[in-house]
Amino acid sequence: MPDATKTAGSTQRLRIEHVEDECFADELTEILFKIGHEGVVANAEMFGFMLRGFFEGTRRHIAFESEHIAPIVRGAFANAPHEI
């Protein structure tokens, strides 16, 4: 089992990333609704930059969870009885 300090640090990092991802998603949602209603992208370069930033952050977040969180969860449930 990982030490509590490392786990707390990882958990805090993920919380911060979730908040950042949510803020980014809110901004993208506003732009997507505007595009949907008006049919045009006011600034395609900015929109592309925002999309790349959002997806890059999301990929990094998923990679971190896969590398650090998933093994903890798998280890915790490896010997536990499974019910479906």
Protein backbone atom coordinates (compact mmCIF):
# COMPACT_ATOMS: atom_id res chain seq x y z
CA MET A 1 0.00 0.00 0.00
CA PRO A 2 1.40 3.47 -0.86
CA ASP A 3 2.28 5.81 1.97
CA ALA A 4 -0.38 8.29 3.06
CA THR A 5 1.67 11.38 2.18
CA LYS A 6 2.14 10.31 -1.43
CA THR A 7 -1.51 9.32 -1.75
CA ALA A 8 -2.69 12.64 -0.26
CA GLY A 9 -0.47 14.54 -2.71
CA SER A 10 -1.83 12.59 -5.65
CA THR A 11 -5.39 13.12 -4.51
CA GLN A 12 -4.84 16.86 -4.11
CA ARG A 13 -3.27 17.08 -7.57
CA LEU A 14 -6.23 15.28 -9.12
CA ARG A 15 -8.72 17.56 -7.34
CA ILE A 16 -6.96 20.63 -8.72
CA GLU A 17 -6.85 19.12 -12.21
CA HIS A 18 -10.57 18.30 -12.06
CA VAL A 19 -11.38 21.94 -11.21
CA GLU A 20 -9.13 23.20 -14.02
CA ASP A 21 -10.65 20.72 -16.48
CA GLU A 22 -14.15 21.78 -15.47
CA CYS A 23 -13.34 25.47 -16.00
CA PHE A 24 -11.83 24.73 -19.40
CA ALA A 25 -14.88 22.64 -20.34
CA ASP A 26 -17.22 25.47 -19.29
CA GLU A 27 -15.38 27.90 -21.58
CA LEU A 28 -15.50 25.44 -24.46
CA THR A 29 -19.20 24.80 -23.85
CA GLU A 30 -19.94 28.51 -24.19
CA ILE A 31 -18.06 28.70 -27.48
CA LEU A 32 -19.67 25.51 -28.82
CA PHE A 33 -23.16 26.82 -27.99
CA LYS A 34 -22.34 30.09 -29.73
CA ILE A 35 -21.06 28.20 -32.79
CA GLY A 36 -24.20 26.05 -32.73
CA HIS A 37 -26.49 29.05 -32.65
CA GLU A 38 -24.58 31.38 -34.96
CA GLY A 39 -22.97 28.81 -37.24
CA VAL A 40 -19.58 30.54 -37.32
CA VAL A 41 -16.35 30.41 -35.37
CA ALA A 42 -15.37 33.97 -34.47
CA ASN A 43 -11.71 33.11 -33.93
CA ALA A 44 -10.81 29.68 -35.29
CA GLU A 45 -7.18 29.92 -34.14
CA MET A 46 -8.20 30.64 -30.54
CA PHE A 47 -10.83 27.91 -30.63
CA GLY A 48 -8.28 25.38 -31.92
CA PHE A 49 -5.83 26.44 -29.22
CA MET A 50 -8.50 25.96 -26.55
CA LEU A 51 -9.45 22.53 -27.87
CA ARG A 52 -5.82 21.41 -27.98
CA GLY A 53 -5.25 22.69 -24.45
CA PHE A 54 -8.35 20.94 -23.13
CA PHE A 55 -7.55 17.60 -24.75
CA GLU A 56 -3.87 17.75 -23.80
CA GLY A 57 -4.80 18.36 -20.17
CA THR A 58 -7.37 15.58 -20.29
CA ARG A 59 -4.85 13.11 -21.78
CA ARG A 60 -2.28 14.04 -19.13
CA HIS A 61 -4.87 13.62 -16.39
CA ILE A 62 -5.96 10.20 -17.67
CA ALA A 63 -2.34 9.07 -18.00
CA PHE A 64 -1.63 10.11 -14.40
CA GLU A 65 -4.69 8.26 -13.10
CA SER A 66 -3.80 5.17 -15.15
CA GLU A 67 -0.24 5.18 -13.88
CA HIS A 68 -0.79 6.08 -10.23
CA ILE A 69 -4.42 5.57 -9.20
CA ALA A 70 -5.48 2.49 -11.16
CA PRO A 71 -2.74 0.26 -9.66
CA ILE A 72 -3.84 1.28 -6.15
CA VAL A 73 -7.45 0.45 -6.93
CA ARG A 74 -6.53 -2.85 -8.61
CA GLY A 75 -4.34 -3.77 -5.63
CA ALA A 76 -7.10 -2.94 -3.16
CA PHE A 77 -9.59 -5.16 -4.95
CA ALA A 78 -7.26 -7.95 -6.09
CA ASN A 79 -8.09 -10.22 -3.17
CA ALA A 80 -11.56 -8.91 -2.42
CA PRO A 81 -14.62 -10.98 -3.28
CA HIS A 82 -16.38 -9.59 -6.33
CA GLU A 83 -20.12 -9.16 -6.56
CA ILE A 84 -21.89 -8.12 -9.72
